[in-house]
Amino acid sequence: MPRVLGVSEVKEGLKGLRGWRKKGNFLSKDFHFGDFLGGISFVDKVAKVAEKEEHHPDIHIRYTDVTLDIQTHSEGGITEWDLALARAIDQLGANGKKKETRIAGTRPRKQL
């Protein structure tokens, strides 16, 4: 099993990642999509990477927002496995930028 990384090691590991942050004992990143299905499609891609790596993030979905929290649960903290999974997720190309998507001729709906 990998060992839990110290604060300075996590900080160093975060330098090579885009938008990830340390949140308690987790690596965390928020992604924003133009519509619900964009987020769900992204989650499907993350699930495939997680299965391949045999390491699974906590996934939180709220309409067009997806938050991923990664921790080596068996160790109770952040390990090199978590940094590797974050790098693999970044390779999916999800930039987290909102995109306006709608059917031609329709008006965007207001969020409630």
N, C-alpha and C. Protein backbone atom coordinates (compact mmCIF):
# COMPACT_ATOMS: atom_id res chain seq x y z
N MET A 1 0.83 -1.19 0.00
CA MET A 1 0.00 0.00 0.00
C MET A 1 0.88 1.25 0.00
N PRO A 2 0.42 2.28 -0.68
CA PRO A 2 1.19 3.53 -0.67
C PRO A 2 1.03 4.23 0.68
N ARG A 3 1.97 5.09 0.97
CA ARG A 3 1.90 5.84 2.23
C ARG A 3 1.21 7.18 2.02
N VAL A 4 0.61 7.69 3.09
CA VAL A 4 -0.01 9.02 3.04
C VAL A 4 1.10 10.05 2.88
N LEU A 5 0.89 10.97 1.95
CA LEU A 5 1.88 12.02 1.67
C LEU A 5 1.79 13.14 2.69
N GLY A 6 2.92 13.75 2.96
CA GLY A 6 2.94 14.92 3.83
C GLY A 6 2.42 16.15 3.10
N VAL A 7 2.16 17.19 3.85
CA VAL A 7 1.60 18.43 3.29
C VAL A 7 2.48 18.97 2.17
N SER A 8 3.78 19.02 2.38
CA SER A 8 4.67 19.57 1.34
C SER A 8 4.69 18.67 0.10
N GLU A 9 4.57 17.36 0.28
CA GLU A 9 4.54 16.45 -0.87
C GLU A 9 3.26 16.63 -1.68
N VAL A 10 2.15 16.82 -0.99
CA VAL A 10 0.88 17.06 -1.68
C VAL A 10 0.96 18.38 -2.44
N LYS A 11 1.48 19.40 -1.77
CA LYS A 11 1.62 20.72 -2.41
C LYS A 11 2.47 20.61 -3.67
N GLU A 12 3.55 19.87 -3.60
CA GLU A 12 4.43 19.67 -4.76
C GLU A 12 3.69 18.92 -5.86
N GLY A 13 2.94 17.89 -5.50
CA GLY A 13 2.17 17.11 -6.47
C GLY A 13 1.09 17.92 -7.16
N LEU A 14 0.51 18.86 -6.45
CA LEU A 14 -0.54 19.71 -7.02
C LEU A 14 -0.01 20.66 -8.10
N LYS A 15 1.27 20.95 -8.07
CA LYS A 15 1.86 21.86 -9.05
C LYS A 15 1.69 21.35 -10.48
N GLY A 16 1.66 20.06 -10.65
CA GLY A 16 1.53 19.49 -11.99
C GLY A 16 0.09 19.22 -12.40
N LEU A 17 -0.87 19.65 -11.58
CA LEU A 17 -2.28 19.39 -11.87
C LEU A 17 -3.01 20.70 -12.13
N ARG A 18 -4.06 20.61 -12.94
CA ARG A 18 -4.83 21.81 -13.30
C ARG A 18 -6.13 21.88 -12.49
N GLY A 19 -6.21 22.85 -11.57
CA GLY A 19 -7.45 23.11 -10.87
C GLY A 19 -7.72 22.24 -9.66
N TRP A 20 -6.85 21.31 -9.36
CA TRP A 20 -7.04 20.46 -8.19
C TRP A 20 -6.56 21.21 -6.95
N ARG A 21 -7.18 20.89 -5.82
CA ARG A 21 -6.80 21.51 -4.55
C ARG A 21 -6.87 20.46 -3.44
N LYS A 22 -6.21 20.73 -2.36
CA LYS A 22 -6.30 19.87 -1.17
C LYS A 22 -7.49 20.35 -0.37
N LYS A 23 -8.40 19.45 -0.07
CA LYS A 23 -9.58 19.78 0.73
C LYS A 23 -9.65 18.74 1.84
N GLY A 24 -9.15 19.10 3.01
CA GLY A 24 -9.06 18.12 4.09
C GLY A 24 -8.07 17.03 3.71
N ASN A 25 -8.51 15.80 3.77
CA ASN A 25 -7.67 14.66 3.40
C ASN A 25 -7.97 14.16 1.99
N PHE A 26 -8.46 15.04 1.14
CA PHE A 26 -8.83 14.69 -0.23
C PHE A 26 -8.17 15.64 -1.22
N LEU A 27 -7.99 15.17 -2.46
CA LEU A 27 -7.76 16.04 -3.61
C LEU A 27 -9.14 16.31 -4.18
N SER A 28 -9.41 17.55 -4.55
CA SER A 28 -10.75 17.90 -5.01
C SER A 28 -10.67 18.82 -6.23
N LYS A 29 -11.63 18.66 -7.12
CA LYS A 29 -11.72 19.54 -8.28
C LYS A 29 -13.17 19.67 -8.69
N ASP A 30 -13.57 20.90 -9.04
CA ASP A 30 -14.92 21.19 -9.53
C ASP A 30 -14.89 21.33 -11.04
N PHE A 31 -15.87 20.75 -11.69
CA PHE A 31 -16.03 20.85 -13.14
C PHE A 31 -17.42 21.43 -13.42
N HIS A 32 -17.50 22.29 -14.42
CA HIS A 32 -18.77 22.93 -14.77
C HIS A 32 -19.05 22.67 -16.25
N PHE A 33 -20.30 22.30 -16.53
CA PHE A 33 -20.69 21.96 -17.89
C PHE A 33 -21.90 22.78 -18.30
N GLY A 34 -22.09 22.91 -19.59
CA GLY A 34 -23.19 23.72 -20.13
C GLY A 34 -24.55 23.08 -19.95
N ASP A 35 -24.57 21.78 -19.72
CA ASP A 35 -25.85 21.11 -19.50
C ASP A 35 -25.62 19.85 -18.67
N PHE A 36 -26.71 19.29 -18.20
CA PHE A 36 -26.67 18.12 -17.33
C PHE A 36 -25.99 16.94 -18.01
N LEU A 37 -26.35 16.68 -19.25
CA LEU A 37 -25.79 15.52 -19.94
C LEU A 37 -24.29 15.64 -20.20
N GLY A 38 -23.80 16.87 -20.32
CA GLY A 38 -22.35 17.06 -20.45
C GLY A 38 -21.62 16.56 -19.21
N GLY A 39 -22.17 16.87 -18.05
CA GLY A 39 -21.59 16.41 -16.80
C GLY A 39 -21.68 14.90 -16.66
N ILE A 40 -22.81 14.34 -17.05
CA ILE A 40 -22.99 12.89 -16.96
C ILE A 40 -22.04 12.16 -17.91
N SER A 41 -21.86 12.71 -19.10
CA SER A 41 -20.92 12.12 -20.06
C SER A 41 -19.50 12.12 -19.48
N PHE A 42 -19.13 13.23 -18.84
CA PHE A 42 -17.82 13.32 -18.20
C PHE A 42 -17.68 12.28 -17.09
N VAL A 43 -18.71 12.13 -16.27
CA VAL A 43 -18.68 11.15 -15.18
C VAL A 43 -18.49 9.74 -15.74
N ASP A 44 -19.12 9.45 -16.87
CA ASP A 44 -18.96 8.14 -17.50
C ASP A 44 -17.50 7.91 -17.89
N LYS A 45 -16.86 8.95 -18.43
CA LYS A 45 -15.45 8.84 -18.80
C LYS A 45 -14.56 8.65 -17.56
N VAL A 46 -14.88 9.38 -16.50
CA VAL A 46 -14.12 9.24 -15.25
C VAL A 46 -14.27 7.82 -14.71
N ALA A 47 -15.49 7.28 -14.78
CA ALA A 47 -15.74 5.92 -14.28
C ALA A 47 -14.89 4.90 -15.02
N LYS A 48 -14.72 5.07 -16.32
CA LYS A 48 -13.90 4.14 -17.10
C LYS A 48 -12.44 4.22 -16.69
N VAL A 49 -11.94 5.44 -16.48
CA VAL A 49 -10.56 5.61 -16.02
C VAL A 49 -10.40 5.00 -14.63
N ALA A 50 -11.35 5.25 -13.75
CA ALA A 50 -11.29 4.74 -12.38
C ALA A 50 -11.27 3.21 -12.36
N GLU A 51 -12.08 2.59 -13.19
CA GLU A 51 -12.09 1.13 -13.27
C GLU A 51 -10.75 0.60 -13.76
N LYS A 52 -10.21 1.25 -14.77
CA LYS A 52 -8.91 0.83 -15.31
C LYS A 52 -7.82 0.94 -14.25
N GLU A 53 -7.85 2.03 -13.49
CA GLU A 53 -6.84 2.27 -12.46
C GLU A 53 -7.13 1.52 -11.16
N GLU A 54 -8.34 0.96 -11.06
CA GLU A 54 -8.80 0.31 -9.83
C GLU A 54 -8.69 1.24 -8.63
N HIS A 55 -9.06 2.49 -8.86
CA HIS A 55 -9.02 3.52 -7.83
C HIS A 55 -10.17 4.48 -8.14
N HIS A 56 -11.08 4.68 -7.21
CA HIS A 56 -12.35 5.34 -7.51
C HIS A 56 -12.54 6.62 -6.70
N PRO A 57 -12.87 7.72 -7.39
CA PRO A 57 -13.12 8.98 -6.68
C PRO A 57 -14.54 9.01 -6.11
N ASP A 58 -14.75 9.90 -5.16
CA ASP A 58 -16.11 10.23 -4.74
C ASP A 58 -16.61 11.23 -5.78
N ILE A 59 -17.80 11.00 -6.30
CA ILE A 59 -18.35 11.84 -7.37
C ILE A 59 -19.63 12.50 -6.87
N HIS A 60 -19.68 13.81 -6.96
CA HIS A 60 -20.85 14.58 -6.54
C HIS A 60 -21.38 15.32 -7.76
N ILE A 61 -22.65 15.11 -8.06
CA ILE A 61 -23.26 15.74 -9.24
C ILE A 61 -24.38 16.65 -8.75
N ARG A 62 -24.35 17.89 -9.22
CA ARG A 62 -25.42 18.84 -8.94
C ARG A 62 -25.71 19.60 -10.23
N TYR A 63 -26.70 19.10 -10.96
CA TYR A 63 -27.13 19.65 -12.24
C TYR A 63 -25.96 19.73 -13.22
N THR A 64 -25.40 20.91 -13.45
CA THR A 64 -24.31 21.04 -14.43
C THR A 64 -22.93 21.06 -13.78
N ASP A 65 -22.88 20.81 -12.48
CA ASP A 65 -21.61 20.84 -11.75
C ASP A 65 -21.26 19.43 -11.26
N VAL A 66 -20.01 19.07 -11.44
CA VAL A 66 -19.49 17.79 -10.96
C VAL A 66 -18.27 18.08 -10.10
N THR A 67 -18.23 17.51 -8.91
CA THR A 67 -17.06 17.63 -8.04
C THR A 67 -16.49 16.23 -7.83
N LEU A 68 -15.19 16.12 -8.00
CA LEU A 68 -14.49 14.87 -7.74
C LEU A 68 -13.63 15.05 -6.51
N ASP A 69 -13.73 14.11 -5.58
CA ASP A 69 -12.88 14.07 -4.40
C ASP A 69 -12.15 12.74 -4.42
N ILE A 70 -10.83 12.79 -4.29
CA ILE A 70 -10.01 11.59 -4.38
C ILE A 70 -9.22 11.42 -3.09
N GLN A 71 -9.27 10.20 -2.57
CA GLN A 71 -8.50 9.84 -1.38
C GLN A 71 -8.26 8.34 -1.44
N THR A 72 -7.13 7.90 -0.93
CA THR A 72 -6.92 6.47 -0.76
C THR A 72 -7.60 6.12 0.56
N HIS A 73 -8.85 5.67 0.45
CA HIS A 73 -9.69 5.46 1.63
C HIS A 73 -9.04 4.52 2.64
N SER A 74 -8.38 3.47 2.16
CA SER A 74 -7.76 2.50 3.06
C SER A 74 -6.66 3.13 3.91
N GLU A 75 -6.07 4.23 3.41
CA GLU A 75 -4.99 4.90 4.13
C GLU A 75 -5.47 6.15 4.85
N GLY A 76 -6.69 6.61 4.52
CA GLY A 76 -7.25 7.78 5.20
C GLY A 76 -6.62 9.09 4.82
N GLY A 77 -6.01 9.15 3.63
CA GLY A 77 -5.38 10.39 3.20
C GLY A 77 -4.96 10.33 1.75
N ILE A 78 -4.20 11.33 1.36
CA ILE A 78 -3.76 11.47 -0.03
C ILE A 78 -2.44 10.72 -0.21
N THR A 79 -2.43 9.87 -1.24
CA THR A 79 -1.23 9.12 -1.58
C THR A 79 -0.86 9.40 -3.04
N GLU A 80 0.23 8.81 -3.48
CA GLU A 80 0.64 8.95 -4.88
C GLU A 80 -0.43 8.40 -5.81
N TRP A 81 -1.19 7.39 -5.38
CA TRP A 81 -2.27 6.85 -6.20
C TRP A 81 -3.29 7.94 -6.54
N ASP A 82 -3.55 8.82 -5.58
CA ASP A 82 -4.54 9.89 -5.81
C ASP A 82 -4.02 10.92 -6.80
N LEU A 83 -2.75 11.27 -6.68
CA LEU A 83 -2.16 12.19 -7.65
C LEU A 83 -2.17 11.57 -9.05
N ALA A 84 -1.88 10.28 -9.15
CA ALA A 84 -1.89 9.60 -10.45
C ALA A 84 -3.28 9.58 -11.05
N LEU A 85 -4.31 9.34 -10.23
CA LEU A 85 -5.68 9.34 -10.74
C LEU A 85 -6.08 10.74 -11.20
N ALA A 86 -5.70 11.76 -10.45
CA ALA A 86 -6.01 13.14 -10.85
C ALA A 86 -5.35 13.46 -12.19
N ARG A 87 -4.11 13.02 -12.38
CA ARG A 87 -3.44 13.24 -13.67
C ARG A 87 -4.17 12.52 -14.79
N ALA A 88 -4.61 11.30 -14.54
CA ALA A 88 -5.34 10.54 -15.57
C ALA A 88 -6.66 11.22 -15.91
N ILE A 89 -7.34 11.75 -14.92
CA ILE A 89 -8.61 12.46 -15.17
C ILE A 89 -8.34 13.73 -15.97
N ASP A 90 -7.27 14.44 -15.66
CA ASP A 90 -6.93 15.64 -16.44
C ASP A 90 -6.68 15.30 -17.91
N GLN A 91 -6.19 14.10 -18.18
CA GLN A 91 -5.94 13.69 -19.57
C GLN A 91 -7.23 13.52 -20.37
N LEU A 92 -8.38 13.46 -19.69
CA LEU A 92 -9.65 13.33 -20.40
C LEU A 92 -9.97 14.58 -21.21
N GLY A 93 -9.32 15.69 -20.88
CA GLY A 93 -9.53 16.91 -21.64
C GLY A 93 -10.69 17.75 -21.16
N ALA A 94 -11.32 17.36 -20.05
CA ALA A 94 -12.42 18.18 -19.52
C ALA A 94 -11.82 19.45 -18.96
N ASN A 95 -12.16 20.57 -19.57
CA ASN A 95 -11.55 21.82 -19.15
C ASN A 95 -12.35 22.53 -18.07
N GLY A 96 -13.53 22.02 -17.77
CA GLY A 96 -14.31 22.63 -16.71
C GLY A 96 -14.91 23.97 -17.07
N LYS A 97 -14.82 24.38 -18.32
CA LYS A 97 -15.40 25.66 -18.73
C LYS A 97 -16.86 25.45 -19.10
N LYS A 98 -17.68 26.41 -18.72
CA LYS A 98 -19.08 26.33 -19.09
C LYS A 98 -19.24 26.59 -20.57
N LYS A 99 -20.08 25.80 -21.18
CA LYS A 99 -20.40 25.99 -22.59
C LYS A 99 -21.90 26.17 -22.71
N GLU A 100 -22.31 27.13 -23.47
CA GLU A 100 -23.74 27.35 -23.69
C GLU A 100 -24.21 26.41 -24.78
N THR A 101 -25.08 25.51 -24.45
CA THR A 101 -25.62 24.59 -25.45
C THR A 101 -27.13 24.66 -25.40
N ARG A 102 -27.74 24.78 -26.55
CA ARG A 102 -29.20 24.78 -26.63
C ARG A 102 -29.62 24.47 -28.04
N ILE A 103 -30.86 24.05 -28.15
CA ILE A 103 -31.42 23.73 -29.46
C ILE A 103 -31.64 25.04 -30.21
N ALA A 104 -31.29 25.06 -31.48
CA ALA A 104 -31.45 26.27 -32.29
C ALA A 104 -32.88 26.79 -32.21
N GLY A 105 -33.01 28.09 -32.01
CA GLY A 105 -34.32 28.71 -31.98
C GLY A 105 -34.98 28.71 -30.61
N THR A 106 -34.31 28.16 -29.60
CA THR A 106 -34.90 28.17 -28.26
C THR A 106 -34.16 29.16 -27.40
N ARG A 107 -34.82 29.59 -26.36
CA ARG A 107 -34.19 30.48 -25.41
C ARG A 107 -33.63 29.67 -24.25
N PRO A 108 -32.50 30.09 -23.70
CA PRO A 108 -31.97 29.37 -22.54
C PRO A 108 -32.94 29.49 -21.37
N ARG A 109 -33.09 28.40 -20.63
CA ARG A 109 -33.97 28.43 -19.47
C ARG A 109 -33.27 29.09 -18.29
N LYS A 110 -34.04 29.72 -17.45
CA LYS A 110 -33.50 30.31 -16.25
C LYS A 110 -33.34 29.20 -15.21
N GLN A 111 -32.24 29.25 -14.47
CA GLN A 111 -32.07 28.29 -13.40
C GLN A 111 -32.95 28.69 -12.23
N LEU A 112 -33.51 27.70 -11.59
CA LEU A 112 -34.37 27.96 -10.43
C LEU A 112 -33.57 28.21 -9.19
